[in-house]
Amino acid sequence: MTVRVKLIGSFRGLSGNDELELKLKESSSIREVLKIVVEQAPGLERALFDSKCEKPKTNTLILVNGKEIGVLDNFETIVEDGDKITLVPVVHGG
């Protein structure tokens, strides 16, 4: 199956792309999608994963077909053929 990953803001610069097309196995989760994104765009690894525990960071807004994964099944959300995933960096300031 194929999904498209749209990269917003600083993720474009880190990856060198504004969109990736990924070939996935059936029943892939967002967690697995993020690992494949990093394989195709290694510059995103530090932005998407905590190097100490190798878990996805929570500083990224992740949308699947316009819905935030927090209202779905978080990182265990299963994607389907043709889904559009959007990764938006969240910047905190004070």
N, C-alpha and C. Protein backbone atom coordinates (compact mmCIF):
# COMPACT_ATOMS: atom_id res chain seq x y z
N MET A 1 0.84 -1.17 0.00
CA MET A 1 0.00 0.00 0.00
C MET A 1 0.88 1.24 0.00
N THR A 2 0.31 2.36 -0.39
CA THR A 2 1.06 3.60 -0.51
C THR A 2 0.38 4.71 0.28
N VAL A 3 1.18 5.48 1.03
CA VAL A 3 0.68 6.67 1.71
C VAL A 3 1.59 7.84 1.36
N ARG A 4 1.08 9.05 1.51
CA ARG A 4 1.86 10.26 1.27
C ARG A 4 2.06 10.96 2.61
N VAL A 5 3.29 11.42 2.84
CA VAL A 5 3.63 12.14 4.06
C VAL A 5 4.02 13.56 3.68
N LYS A 6 3.24 14.52 4.13
CA LYS A 6 3.51 15.94 3.86
C LYS A 6 4.32 16.49 5.03
N LEU A 7 5.42 17.17 4.72
CA LEU A 7 6.31 17.73 5.73
C LEU A 7 6.17 19.24 5.75
N ILE A 8 5.89 19.79 6.91
CA ILE A 8 5.64 21.22 7.08
C ILE A 8 6.80 21.87 7.83
N GLY A 9 7.03 23.15 7.57
CA GLY A 9 8.00 23.96 8.33
C GLY A 9 9.41 23.42 8.28
N SER A 10 10.03 23.36 9.44
CA SER A 10 11.44 22.94 9.52
C SER A 10 11.65 21.50 9.05
N PHE A 11 10.61 20.68 9.06
CA PHE A 11 10.75 19.30 8.59
C PHE A 11 11.11 19.26 7.11
N ARG A 12 10.64 20.25 6.34
CA ARG A 12 11.02 20.32 4.92
C ARG A 12 12.52 20.49 4.77
N GLY A 13 13.07 21.44 5.53
CA GLY A 13 14.50 21.70 5.45
C GLY A 13 15.34 20.53 5.93
N LEU A 14 14.92 19.89 6.99
CA LEU A 14 15.68 18.76 7.53
C LEU A 14 15.66 17.55 6.59
N SER A 15 14.57 17.41 5.84
CA SER A 15 14.43 16.24 4.97
C SER A 15 14.86 16.52 3.53
N GLY A 16 14.81 17.81 3.14
CA GLY A 16 15.09 18.15 1.75
C GLY A 16 13.91 17.91 0.83
N ASN A 17 12.75 17.62 1.42
CA ASN A 17 11.53 17.34 0.65
C ASN A 17 10.33 17.98 1.33
N ASP A 18 9.30 18.24 0.54
CA ASP A 18 8.06 18.70 1.17
C ASP A 18 7.03 17.57 1.26
N GLU A 19 7.31 16.45 0.58
CA GLU A 19 6.40 15.31 0.62
C GLU A 19 7.17 14.04 0.29
N LEU A 20 6.79 12.96 0.97
CA LEU A 20 7.37 11.64 0.71
C LEU A 20 6.24 10.68 0.36
N GLU A 21 6.53 9.76 -0.54
CA GLU A 21 5.58 8.70 -0.84
C GLU A 21 6.18 7.41 -0.28
N LEU A 22 5.44 6.75 0.57
CA LEU A 22 5.94 5.55 1.24
C LEU A 22 5.18 4.32 0.81
N LYS A 23 5.90 3.26 0.57
CA LYS A 23 5.31 1.94 0.32
C LYS A 23 5.36 1.20 1.66
N LEU A 24 4.20 0.77 2.12
CA LEU A 24 4.09 0.14 3.43
C LEU A 24 3.44 -1.22 3.33
N LYS A 25 3.69 -2.03 4.36
CA LYS A 25 2.95 -3.29 4.46
C LYS A 25 1.58 -2.99 5.04
N GLU A 26 0.63 -3.84 4.81
CA GLU A 26 -0.73 -3.67 5.34
C GLU A 26 -0.66 -3.59 6.87
N SER A 27 -1.59 -2.86 7.45
CA SER A 27 -1.72 -2.72 8.91
C SER A 27 -0.51 -2.04 9.55
N SER A 28 0.10 -1.08 8.85
CA SER A 28 1.22 -0.32 9.42
C SER A 28 0.67 0.77 10.33
N SER A 29 1.37 0.98 11.44
CA SER A 29 0.96 2.01 12.40
C SER A 29 1.74 3.31 12.13
N ILE A 30 1.31 4.38 12.74
CA ILE A 30 2.02 5.66 12.63
C ILE A 30 3.44 5.50 13.16
N ARG A 31 3.63 4.73 14.21
CA ARG A 31 4.97 4.47 14.75
C ARG A 31 5.87 3.88 13.65
N GLU A 32 5.35 2.92 12.90
CA GLU A 32 6.11 2.30 11.81
C GLU A 32 6.33 3.28 10.67
N VAL A 33 5.34 4.11 10.38
CA VAL A 33 5.47 5.13 9.34
C VAL A 33 6.62 6.07 9.68
N LEU A 34 6.69 6.51 10.94
CA LEU A 34 7.76 7.42 11.33
C LEU A 34 9.14 6.79 11.16
N LYS A 35 9.26 5.51 11.45
CA LYS A 35 10.55 4.83 11.26
C LYS A 35 10.94 4.81 9.78
N ILE A 36 9.98 4.60 8.90
CA ILE A 36 10.27 4.58 7.47
C ILE A 36 10.57 5.99 6.96
N VAL A 37 9.89 6.98 7.50
CA VAL A 37 10.19 8.37 7.15
C VAL A 37 11.66 8.67 7.45
N VAL A 38 12.13 8.25 8.62
CA VAL A 38 13.51 8.49 9.02
C VAL A 38 14.49 7.72 8.13
N GLU A 39 14.11 6.54 7.68
CA GLU A 39 14.96 5.79 6.75
C GLU A 39 15.13 6.55 5.44
N GLN A 40 14.05 7.16 4.95
CA GLN A 40 14.10 7.90 3.69
C GLN A 40 14.67 9.30 3.86
N ALA A 41 14.52 9.87 5.04
CA ALA A 41 15.00 11.23 5.30
C ALA A 41 15.72 11.24 6.66
N PRO A 42 16.95 10.75 6.72
CA PRO A 42 17.68 10.61 7.99
C PRO A 42 17.82 11.92 8.77
N GLY A 43 17.74 13.06 8.08
CA GLY A 43 17.84 14.34 8.77
C GLY A 43 16.71 14.59 9.75
N LEU A 44 15.65 13.81 9.68
CA LEU A 44 14.50 13.98 10.57
C LEU A 44 14.60 13.15 11.86
N GLU A 45 15.58 12.29 11.94
CA GLU A 45 15.64 11.37 13.08
C GLU A 45 15.67 12.10 14.42
N ARG A 46 16.54 13.08 14.58
CA ARG A 46 16.64 13.79 15.86
C ARG A 46 15.38 14.60 16.16
N ALA A 47 14.69 15.04 15.13
CA ALA A 47 13.47 15.83 15.33
C ALA A 47 12.28 14.95 15.70
N LEU A 48 12.26 13.70 15.22
CA LEU A 48 11.09 12.84 15.42
C LEU A 48 11.24 11.81 16.54
N PHE A 49 12.50 11.42 16.88
CA PHE A 49 12.70 10.36 17.86
C PHE A 49 13.61 10.81 18.99
N ASP A 50 13.28 10.36 20.19
CA ASP A 50 14.12 10.60 21.36
C ASP A 50 15.27 9.59 21.29
N SER A 51 16.50 10.09 21.22
CA SER A 51 17.65 9.20 21.03
C SER A 51 17.92 8.30 22.23
N LYS A 52 17.47 8.71 23.42
CA LYS A 52 17.72 7.91 24.62
C LYS A 52 16.81 6.68 24.71
N CYS A 53 15.54 6.85 24.35
CA CYS A 53 14.62 5.73 24.48
C CYS A 53 14.07 5.25 23.14
N GLU A 54 14.48 5.89 22.05
CA GLU A 54 14.10 5.51 20.69
C GLU A 54 12.59 5.50 20.47
N LYS A 55 11.87 6.34 21.21
CA LYS A 55 10.43 6.48 21.04
C LYS A 55 10.15 7.77 20.28
N PRO A 56 9.04 7.83 19.56
CA PRO A 56 8.68 9.08 18.88
C PRO A 56 8.50 10.21 19.89
N LYS A 57 9.00 11.38 19.54
CA LYS A 57 8.81 12.56 20.39
C LYS A 57 7.38 13.04 20.26
N THR A 58 6.94 13.77 21.27
CA THR A 58 5.58 14.29 21.25
C THR A 58 5.53 15.75 20.82
N ASN A 59 6.62 16.27 20.24
CA ASN A 59 6.66 17.66 19.81
C ASN A 59 6.27 17.83 18.34
N THR A 60 5.57 16.85 17.81
CA THR A 60 5.14 16.89 16.42
C THR A 60 3.63 16.68 16.36
N LEU A 61 2.96 17.57 15.66
CA LEU A 61 1.54 17.40 15.40
C LEU A 61 1.44 16.46 14.20
N ILE A 62 0.78 15.32 14.40
CA ILE A 62 0.66 14.32 13.34
C ILE A 62 -0.82 14.17 12.98
N LEU A 63 -1.11 14.40 11.71
CA LEU A 63 -2.47 14.30 11.21
C LEU A 63 -2.58 13.15 10.22
N VAL A 64 -3.65 12.40 10.29
CA VAL A 64 -3.95 11.36 9.30
C VAL A 64 -5.26 11.78 8.66
N ASN A 65 -5.19 12.12 7.39
CA ASN A 65 -6.36 12.62 6.67
C ASN A 65 -7.04 13.77 7.41
N GLY A 66 -6.21 14.66 7.98
CA GLY A 66 -6.73 15.85 8.64
C GLY A 66 -7.12 15.67 10.10
N LYS A 67 -7.02 14.44 10.64
CA LYS A 67 -7.37 14.20 12.04
C LYS A 67 -6.10 13.96 12.86
N GLU A 68 -6.01 14.67 13.99
CA GLU A 68 -4.86 14.53 14.87
C GLU A 68 -4.86 13.13 15.48
N ILE A 69 -3.67 12.49 15.56
CA ILE A 69 -3.63 11.10 16.03
C ILE A 69 -4.09 10.95 17.47
N GLY A 70 -4.09 12.03 18.25
CA GLY A 70 -4.57 11.97 19.63
C GLY A 70 -6.05 11.62 19.72
N VAL A 71 -6.82 11.94 18.70
CA VAL A 71 -8.25 11.57 18.70
C VAL A 71 -8.48 10.24 18.00
N LEU A 72 -7.40 9.67 17.49
CA LEU A 72 -7.48 8.34 16.85
C LEU A 72 -6.90 7.33 17.84
N ASP A 73 -5.81 6.69 17.49
CA ASP A 73 -5.20 5.69 18.37
C ASP A 73 -3.73 6.02 18.62
N ASN A 74 -3.42 7.33 18.68
CA ASN A 74 -2.06 7.82 18.89
C ASN A 74 -1.07 7.15 17.93
N PHE A 75 0.09 6.76 18.44
CA PHE A 75 1.13 6.20 17.57
C PHE A 75 0.77 4.81 17.05
N GLU A 76 -0.28 4.21 17.61
CA GLU A 76 -0.73 2.90 17.14
C GLU A 76 -1.83 3.01 16.08
N THR A 77 -2.15 4.22 15.65
CA THR A 77 -3.13 4.43 14.59
C THR A 77 -2.70 3.68 13.34
N ILE A 78 -3.57 2.87 12.80
CA ILE A 78 -3.27 2.09 11.59
C ILE A 78 -3.62 2.94 10.37
N VAL A 79 -2.69 3.01 9.42
CA VAL A 79 -2.94 3.78 8.20
C VAL A 79 -3.43 2.83 7.11
N GLU A 80 -4.12 3.43 6.15
CA GLU A 80 -4.67 2.65 5.04
C GLU A 80 -4.14 3.18 3.71
N ASP A 81 -4.26 2.38 2.70
CA ASP A 81 -3.80 2.75 1.37
C ASP A 81 -4.40 4.09 0.96
N GLY A 82 -3.55 5.00 0.49
CA GLY A 82 -4.01 6.29 0.03
C GLY A 82 -4.10 7.37 1.09
N ASP A 83 -3.83 7.03 2.36
CA ASP A 83 -3.92 8.02 3.42
C ASP A 83 -2.89 9.13 3.22
N LYS A 84 -3.23 10.32 3.72
CA LYS A 84 -2.32 11.45 3.70
C LYS A 84 -1.96 11.76 5.15
N ILE A 85 -0.67 11.70 5.45
CA ILE A 85 -0.16 11.97 6.79
C ILE A 85 0.59 13.29 6.73
N THR A 86 0.30 14.15 7.68
CA THR A 86 0.96 15.46 7.73
C THR A 86 1.73 15.56 9.03
N LEU A 87 3.01 15.98 8.92
CA LEU A 87 3.86 16.17 10.10
C LEU A 87 4.16 17.65 10.24
N VAL A 88 3.76 18.21 11.39
CA VAL A 88 3.93 19.64 11.66
C VAL A 88 4.77 19.79 12.93
N PRO A 89 5.92 20.47 12.86
CA PRO A 89 6.70 20.68 14.08
C PRO A 89 5.98 21.65 15.01
N VAL A 90 6.00 21.35 16.30
CA VAL A 90 5.38 22.23 17.28
C VAL A 90 6.51 22.95 18.01
N VAL A 91 6.44 24.27 17.99
CA VAL A 91 7.47 25.09 18.61
C VAL A 91 6.87 25.75 19.84
N HIS A 92 7.55 25.59 20.96
CA HIS A 92 7.10 26.19 22.21
C HIS A 92 8.00 27.39 22.52
N GLY A 93 7.44 28.39 23.06
CA GLY A 93 8.23 29.56 23.42
C GLY A 93 7.72 30.17 24.70
N GLY A 94 8.42 31.17 25.12
CA GLY A 94 7.98 31.79 26.36
C GLY A 94 8.45 33.20 26.46
